Amino acid sequence: MKNILLKYILCSLLIGSIIYFSALFKLNLPNFLRFYLNDFLIIPVVLYSSLQVLKWSKNNKSYKISTFIIIYICTLYSILFEFVFPEFLERYTKDYLDILLYYLGGAVFYKLQQIEGNSIHT
């Protein structure tokens, strides 16, 4: 499937923006959408952006982000947004479900990256 990762990221950005602006305009969304969906969507967006920079900087269009780096980014987000920031910034709260959602988002990115990589070679 050609460009499946790009399509997923564009949909994620659209959905994330709708959630953000609905909160900004005080539109009432279900709690799960308001508080959790963006945590699921953010890791693939960050990894995709990083992947594009790495493909360009390494001049390698078939470059893939390793499983280790995906896990590292999920762990970094978990530590920063669920343990460090809540200690110092009132806007952030510690929520263990967010950690699960970061890793699920990383797993989705990994799977889509594999699917897209396989379609390049077939």
N, C-alpha and C. Protein backbone atom coordinates (compact mmCIF):
# COMPACT_ATOMS: atom_id res chain seq x y z
N MET A 1 0.84 -1.18 0.00
CA MET A 1 0.00 0.00 0.00
C MET A 1 0.88 1.23 0.00
N LYS A 2 0.79 1.95 -1.06
CA LYS A 2 1.64 3.11 -1.22
C LYS A 2 1.15 4.27 -0.35
N ASN A 3 2.08 4.89 0.34
CA ASN A 3 1.83 6.08 1.15
C ASN A 3 0.84 5.84 2.30
N ILE A 4 0.71 4.62 2.77
CA ILE A 4 -0.22 4.36 3.88
C ILE A 4 0.18 5.12 5.13
N LEU A 5 1.47 5.24 5.37
CA LEU A 5 1.95 5.96 6.54
C LEU A 5 1.61 7.45 6.44
N LEU A 6 1.84 8.03 5.27
CA LEU A 6 1.51 9.44 5.07
C LEU A 6 0.01 9.68 5.26
N LYS A 7 -0.81 8.81 4.70
CA LYS A 7 -2.26 8.95 4.85
C LYS A 7 -2.68 8.86 6.32
N TYR A 8 -2.08 7.92 7.04
CA TYR A 8 -2.38 7.79 8.47
C TYR A 8 -1.99 9.06 9.23
N ILE A 9 -0.83 9.60 8.92
CA ILE A 9 -0.34 10.80 9.61
C ILE A 9 -1.24 12.00 9.30
N LEU A 10 -1.62 12.15 8.06
CA LEU A 10 -2.51 13.27 7.71
C LEU A 10 -3.85 13.16 8.42
N CYS A 11 -4.40 11.95 8.49
CA CYS A 11 -5.65 11.74 9.24
C CYS A 11 -5.45 12.03 10.72
N SER A 12 -4.32 11.61 11.25
CA SER A 12 -4.01 11.86 12.67
C SER A 12 -3.93 13.35 12.94
N LEU A 13 -3.26 14.08 12.05
CA LEU A 13 -3.15 15.53 12.23
C LEU A 13 -4.51 16.20 12.15
N LEU A 14 -5.34 15.75 11.24
CA LEU A 14 -6.69 16.31 11.10
C LEU A 14 -7.52 16.03 12.36
N ILE A 15 -7.52 14.78 12.81
CA ILE A 15 -8.29 14.41 14.00
C ILE A 15 -7.76 15.14 15.23
N GLY A 16 -6.43 15.17 15.38
CA GLY A 16 -5.84 15.88 16.51
C GLY A 16 -6.18 17.36 16.51
N SER A 17 -6.19 17.96 15.33
CA SER A 17 -6.54 19.38 15.22
C SER A 17 -8.01 19.62 15.57
N ILE A 18 -8.87 18.73 15.14
CA ILE A 18 -10.30 18.85 15.49
C ILE A 18 -10.48 18.78 17.00
N ILE A 19 -9.79 17.84 17.64
CA ILE A 19 -9.88 17.72 19.10
C ILE A 19 -9.35 18.98 19.78
N TYR A 20 -8.22 19.48 19.30
CA TYR A 20 -7.63 20.68 19.89
C TYR A 20 -8.58 21.87 19.76
N PHE A 21 -9.09 22.10 18.55
CA PHE A 21 -9.96 23.27 18.34
C PHE A 21 -11.31 23.11 19.02
N SER A 22 -11.79 21.88 19.16
CA SER A 22 -13.04 21.69 19.89
C SER A 22 -12.87 22.08 21.36
N ALA A 23 -11.71 21.78 21.92
CA ALA A 23 -11.44 22.20 23.31
C ALA A 23 -11.30 23.72 23.38
N LEU A 24 -10.64 24.28 22.40
CA LEU A 24 -10.43 25.72 22.37
C LEU A 24 -11.76 26.47 22.30
N PHE A 25 -12.70 25.93 21.51
CA PHE A 25 -14.01 26.56 21.36
C PHE A 25 -15.04 26.00 22.33
N LYS A 26 -14.56 25.24 23.31
CA LYS A 26 -15.40 24.70 24.39
C LYS A 26 -16.54 23.82 23.87
N LEU A 27 -16.26 23.06 22.80
CA LEU A 27 -17.23 22.09 22.31
C LEU A 27 -17.07 20.80 23.12
N ASN A 28 -18.17 20.22 23.46
CA ASN A 28 -18.13 19.05 24.34
C ASN A 28 -17.92 17.77 23.53
N LEU A 29 -16.81 17.09 23.78
CA LEU A 29 -16.52 15.80 23.18
C LEU A 29 -16.51 14.75 24.28
N PRO A 30 -16.70 13.49 23.92
CA PRO A 30 -16.57 12.43 24.94
C PRO A 30 -15.20 12.49 25.59
N ASN A 31 -15.15 12.17 26.89
CA ASN A 31 -13.90 12.26 27.64
C ASN A 31 -12.76 11.49 27.02
N PHE A 32 -13.04 10.29 26.51
CA PHE A 32 -11.96 9.51 25.93
C PHE A 32 -11.31 10.26 24.76
N LEU A 33 -12.12 10.88 23.92
CA LEU A 33 -11.56 11.64 22.80
C LEU A 33 -10.79 12.85 23.31
N ARG A 34 -11.36 13.57 24.25
CA ARG A 34 -10.73 14.79 24.77
C ARG A 34 -9.41 14.54 25.46
N PHE A 35 -9.36 13.46 26.26
CA PHE A 35 -8.20 13.27 27.13
C PHE A 35 -7.20 12.23 26.65
N TYR A 36 -7.59 11.37 25.72
CA TYR A 36 -6.70 10.25 25.40
C TYR A 36 -6.33 10.10 23.93
N LEU A 37 -7.19 10.46 23.01
CA LEU A 37 -6.92 10.16 21.61
C LEU A 37 -5.64 10.81 21.10
N ASN A 38 -5.39 12.05 21.48
CA ASN A 38 -4.17 12.71 21.01
C ASN A 38 -2.91 12.03 21.54
N ASP A 39 -2.98 11.43 22.72
CA ASP A 39 -1.83 10.68 23.24
C ASP A 39 -1.53 9.47 22.36
N PHE A 40 -2.55 8.88 21.80
CA PHE A 40 -2.38 7.76 20.87
C PHE A 40 -1.83 8.24 19.53
N LEU A 41 -2.25 9.42 19.10
CA LEU A 41 -1.88 9.92 17.76
C LEU A 41 -0.50 10.57 17.71
N ILE A 42 0.02 11.08 18.82
CA ILE A 42 1.22 11.92 18.76
C ILE A 42 2.49 11.15 18.40
N ILE A 43 2.67 9.96 18.90
CA ILE A 43 3.92 9.23 18.65
C ILE A 43 4.11 8.95 17.15
N PRO A 44 3.10 8.43 16.44
CA PRO A 44 3.31 8.25 15.00
C PRO A 44 3.62 9.56 14.26
N VAL A 45 3.02 10.66 14.67
CA VAL A 45 3.28 11.94 14.02
C VAL A 45 4.74 12.35 14.25
N VAL A 46 5.22 12.24 15.47
CA VAL A 46 6.60 12.60 15.79
C VAL A 46 7.57 11.67 15.05
N LEU A 47 7.29 10.36 15.07
CA LEU A 47 8.17 9.41 14.41
C LEU A 47 8.18 9.60 12.89
N TYR A 48 7.03 9.89 12.32
CA TYR A 48 6.97 10.12 10.87
C TYR A 48 7.78 11.36 10.49
N SER A 49 7.63 12.42 11.26
CA SER A 49 8.41 13.64 10.99
C SER A 49 9.90 13.34 11.09
N SER A 50 10.28 12.61 12.10
CA SER A 50 11.69 12.23 12.28
C SER A 50 12.16 11.35 11.12
N LEU A 51 11.31 10.42 10.71
CA LEU A 51 11.66 9.53 9.61
C LEU A 51 11.94 10.32 8.33
N GLN A 52 11.12 11.32 8.05
CA GLN A 52 11.32 12.10 6.83
C GLN A 52 12.64 12.87 6.88
N VAL A 53 12.98 13.42 8.03
CA VAL A 53 14.25 14.13 8.19
C VAL A 53 15.41 13.14 8.03
N LEU A 54 15.30 11.97 8.63
CA LEU A 54 16.36 10.97 8.52
C LEU A 54 16.53 10.46 7.10
N LYS A 55 15.44 10.24 6.40
CA LYS A 55 15.53 9.81 4.99
C LYS A 55 16.26 10.86 4.17
N TRP A 56 15.93 12.12 4.41
CA TRP A 56 16.56 13.21 3.68
C TRP A 56 18.04 13.34 4.07
N SER A 57 18.33 13.35 5.36
CA SER A 57 19.71 13.59 5.81
C SER A 57 20.64 12.42 5.47
N LYS A 58 20.12 11.21 5.44
CA LYS A 58 20.92 10.04 5.09
C LYS A 58 20.87 9.74 3.59
N ASN A 59 20.07 10.52 2.87
CA ASN A 59 19.88 10.31 1.44
C ASN A 59 19.53 8.84 1.15
N ASN A 60 18.56 8.34 1.92
CA ASN A 60 18.16 6.93 1.82
C ASN A 60 16.64 6.87 1.92
N LYS A 61 15.98 6.76 0.79
CA LYS A 61 14.51 6.77 0.76
C LYS A 61 13.89 5.53 1.39
N SER A 62 14.66 4.47 1.58
CA SER A 62 14.11 3.26 2.18
C SER A 62 14.49 3.11 3.66
N TYR A 63 15.05 4.18 4.25
CA TYR A 63 15.43 4.14 5.66
C TYR A 63 14.21 3.89 6.54
N LYS A 64 14.39 3.08 7.59
CA LYS A 64 13.33 2.81 8.56
C LYS A 64 13.84 3.13 9.96
N ILE A 65 12.94 3.57 10.80
CA ILE A 65 13.28 3.81 12.20
C ILE A 65 13.26 2.45 12.90
N SER A 66 14.31 2.17 13.65
CA SER A 66 14.44 0.86 14.30
C SER A 66 13.44 0.71 15.46
N THR A 67 13.18 -0.53 15.78
CA THR A 67 12.29 -0.84 16.91
C THR A 67 12.82 -0.22 18.19
N PHE A 68 14.13 -0.27 18.39
CA PHE A 68 14.74 0.30 19.58
C PHE A 68 14.43 1.80 19.69
N ILE A 69 14.56 2.52 18.59
CA ILE A 69 14.31 3.97 18.61
C ILE A 69 12.83 4.25 18.87
N ILE A 70 11.95 3.44 18.29
CA ILE A 70 10.52 3.61 18.53
C ILE A 70 10.21 3.44 20.02
N ILE A 71 10.77 2.39 20.62
CA ILE A 71 10.56 2.15 22.06
C ILE A 71 11.18 3.28 22.88
N TYR A 72 12.35 3.74 22.47
CA TYR A 72 13.01 4.84 23.16
C TYR A 72 12.15 6.10 23.17
N ILE A 73 11.58 6.45 22.02
CA ILE A 73 10.74 7.65 21.92
C ILE A 73 9.48 7.50 22.78
N CYS A 74 8.87 6.32 22.75
CA CYS A 74 7.69 6.07 23.60
C CYS A 74 8.05 6.21 25.07
N THR A 75 9.20 5.68 25.45
CA THR A 75 9.66 5.77 26.85
C THR A 75 9.96 7.21 27.22
N LEU A 76 10.61 7.93 26.34
CA LEU A 76 10.93 9.34 26.58
C LEU A 76 9.65 10.15 26.80
N TYR A 77 8.68 9.97 25.93
CA TYR A 77 7.40 10.67 26.08
C TYR A 77 6.73 10.28 27.41
N SER A 78 6.77 9.01 27.73
CA SER A 78 6.15 8.54 28.98
C SER A 78 6.79 9.20 30.19
N ILE A 79 8.10 9.23 30.22
CA ILE A 79 8.81 9.81 31.37
C ILE A 79 8.54 11.31 31.45
N LEU A 80 8.70 12.00 30.32
CA LEU A 80 8.54 13.46 30.33
C LEU A 80 7.11 13.89 30.65
N PHE A 81 6.14 13.33 29.91
CA PHE A 81 4.77 13.83 30.01
C PHE A 81 3.98 13.23 31.16
N GLU A 82 4.43 12.12 31.71
CA GLU A 82 3.67 11.49 32.79
C GLU A 82 4.36 11.55 34.15
N PHE A 83 5.66 11.84 34.17
CA PHE A 83 6.37 11.89 35.44
C PHE A 83 7.07 13.23 35.70
N VAL A 84 7.75 13.78 34.70
CA VAL A 84 8.51 15.01 34.92
C VAL A 84 7.59 16.24 34.85
N PHE A 85 6.92 16.44 33.73
CA PHE A 85 6.09 17.64 33.56
C PHE A 85 5.00 17.78 34.63
N PRO A 86 4.31 16.70 35.03
CA PRO A 86 3.28 16.87 36.07
C PRO A 86 3.83 17.40 37.41
N GLU A 87 5.11 17.19 37.66
CA GLU A 87 5.71 17.68 38.89
C GLU A 87 5.92 19.19 38.88
N PHE A 88 6.06 19.76 37.68
CA PHE A 88 6.43 21.17 37.58
C PHE A 88 5.41 22.05 36.86
N LEU A 89 4.54 21.43 36.07
CA LEU A 89 3.59 22.20 35.28
C LEU A 89 2.17 21.73 35.57
N GLU A 90 1.34 22.66 35.95
CA GLU A 90 -0.03 22.35 36.35
C GLU A 90 -0.86 21.76 35.21
N ARG A 91 -0.53 22.10 33.98
CA ARG A 91 -1.28 21.65 32.80
C ARG A 91 -1.23 20.13 32.63
N TYR A 92 -0.18 19.49 33.12
CA TYR A 92 0.02 18.06 32.90
C TYR A 92 -0.36 17.25 34.13
N THR A 93 -0.98 16.10 33.88
CA THR A 93 -1.34 15.20 34.98
C THR A 93 -0.79 13.82 34.67
N LYS A 94 -0.43 13.10 35.72
CA LYS A 94 0.09 11.75 35.57
C LYS A 94 -1.08 10.81 35.30
N ASP A 95 -0.98 10.06 34.21
CA ASP A 95 -2.05 9.12 33.85
C ASP A 95 -1.41 7.92 33.18
N TYR A 96 -1.50 6.78 33.80
CA TYR A 96 -0.83 5.58 33.29
C TYR A 96 -1.45 5.08 31.98
N LEU A 97 -2.69 5.40 31.72
CA LEU A 97 -3.30 5.02 30.44
C LEU A 97 -2.62 5.75 29.28
N ASP A 98 -2.16 6.97 29.53
CA ASP A 98 -1.42 7.71 28.50
C ASP A 98 -0.17 6.93 28.08
N ILE A 99 0.51 6.33 29.03
CA ILE A 99 1.72 5.57 28.73
C ILE A 99 1.38 4.42 27.79
N LEU A 100 0.32 3.71 28.08
CA LEU A 100 -0.12 2.62 27.21
C LEU A 100 -0.43 3.14 25.81
N LEU A 101 -1.07 4.29 25.74
CA LEU A 101 -1.43 4.86 24.44
C LEU A 101 -0.20 5.31 23.64
N TYR A 102 0.83 5.81 24.32
CA TYR A 102 2.07 6.16 23.62
C TYR A 102 2.66 4.91 22.95
N TYR A 103 2.70 3.81 23.70
CA TYR A 103 3.26 2.57 23.15
C TYR A 103 2.38 1.96 22.06
N LEU A 104 1.07 2.07 22.21
CA LEU A 104 0.18 1.59 21.14
C LEU A 104 0.38 2.41 19.87
N GLY A 105 0.54 3.71 20.02
CA GLY A 105 0.83 4.56 18.87
C GLY A 105 2.15 4.18 18.21
N GLY A 106 3.15 3.87 19.04
CA GLY A 106 4.44 3.42 18.51
C GLY A 106 4.30 2.11 17.76
N ALA A 107 3.46 1.20 18.27
CA ALA A 107 3.23 -0.09 17.60
C ALA A 107 2.53 0.11 16.26
N VAL A 108 1.59 1.03 16.21
CA VAL A 108 0.91 1.34 14.94
C VAL A 108 1.92 1.89 13.93
N PHE A 109 2.77 2.80 14.38
CA PHE A 109 3.79 3.34 13.48
C PHE A 109 4.69 2.23 12.97
N TYR A 110 5.15 1.36 13.87
CA TYR A 110 6.03 0.26 13.48
C TYR A 110 5.36 -0.61 12.41
N LYS A 111 4.11 -0.97 12.64
CA LYS A 111 3.40 -1.84 11.71
C LYS A 111 3.20 -1.15 10.36
N LEU A 112 2.79 0.10 10.36
CA LEU A 112 2.58 0.82 9.11
C LEU A 112 3.90 1.02 8.35
N GLN A 113 4.97 1.27 9.09
CA GLN A 113 6.29 1.40 8.46
C GLN A 113 6.69 0.09 7.79
N GLN A 114 6.38 -1.05 8.43
CA GLN A 114 6.69 -2.35 7.84
C GLN A 114 5.86 -2.61 6.60
N ILE A 115 4.57 -2.30 6.68
CA ILE A 115 3.68 -2.50 5.53
C ILE A 115 4.15 -1.65 4.36
N GLU A 116 4.46 -0.39 4.62
CA GLU A 116 4.90 0.50 3.56
C GLU A 116 6.25 0.05 2.99
N GLY A 117 7.13 -0.40 3.85
CA GLY A 117 8.43 -0.89 3.40
C GLY A 117 8.32 -2.12 2.53
N ASN A 118 7.40 -3.01 2.86
CA ASN A 118 7.19 -4.22 2.06
C ASN A 118 6.61 -3.89 0.71
N SER A 119 5.75 -2.89 0.64
CA SER A 119 5.11 -2.56 -0.65
C SER A 119 6.09 -1.90 -1.60
N ILE A 120 7.17 -1.32 -1.07
CA ILE A 120 8.18 -0.70 -1.93
C ILE A 120 8.93 -1.77 -2.71
N HIS A 121 9.16 -2.91 -2.07
CA HIS A 121 9.98 -3.96 -2.66
C HIS A 121 9.18 -4.95 -3.49
N THR A 122 7.86 -4.88 -3.47
CA THR A 122 7.08 -5.85 -4.24
C THR A 122 6.47 -5.23 -5.48
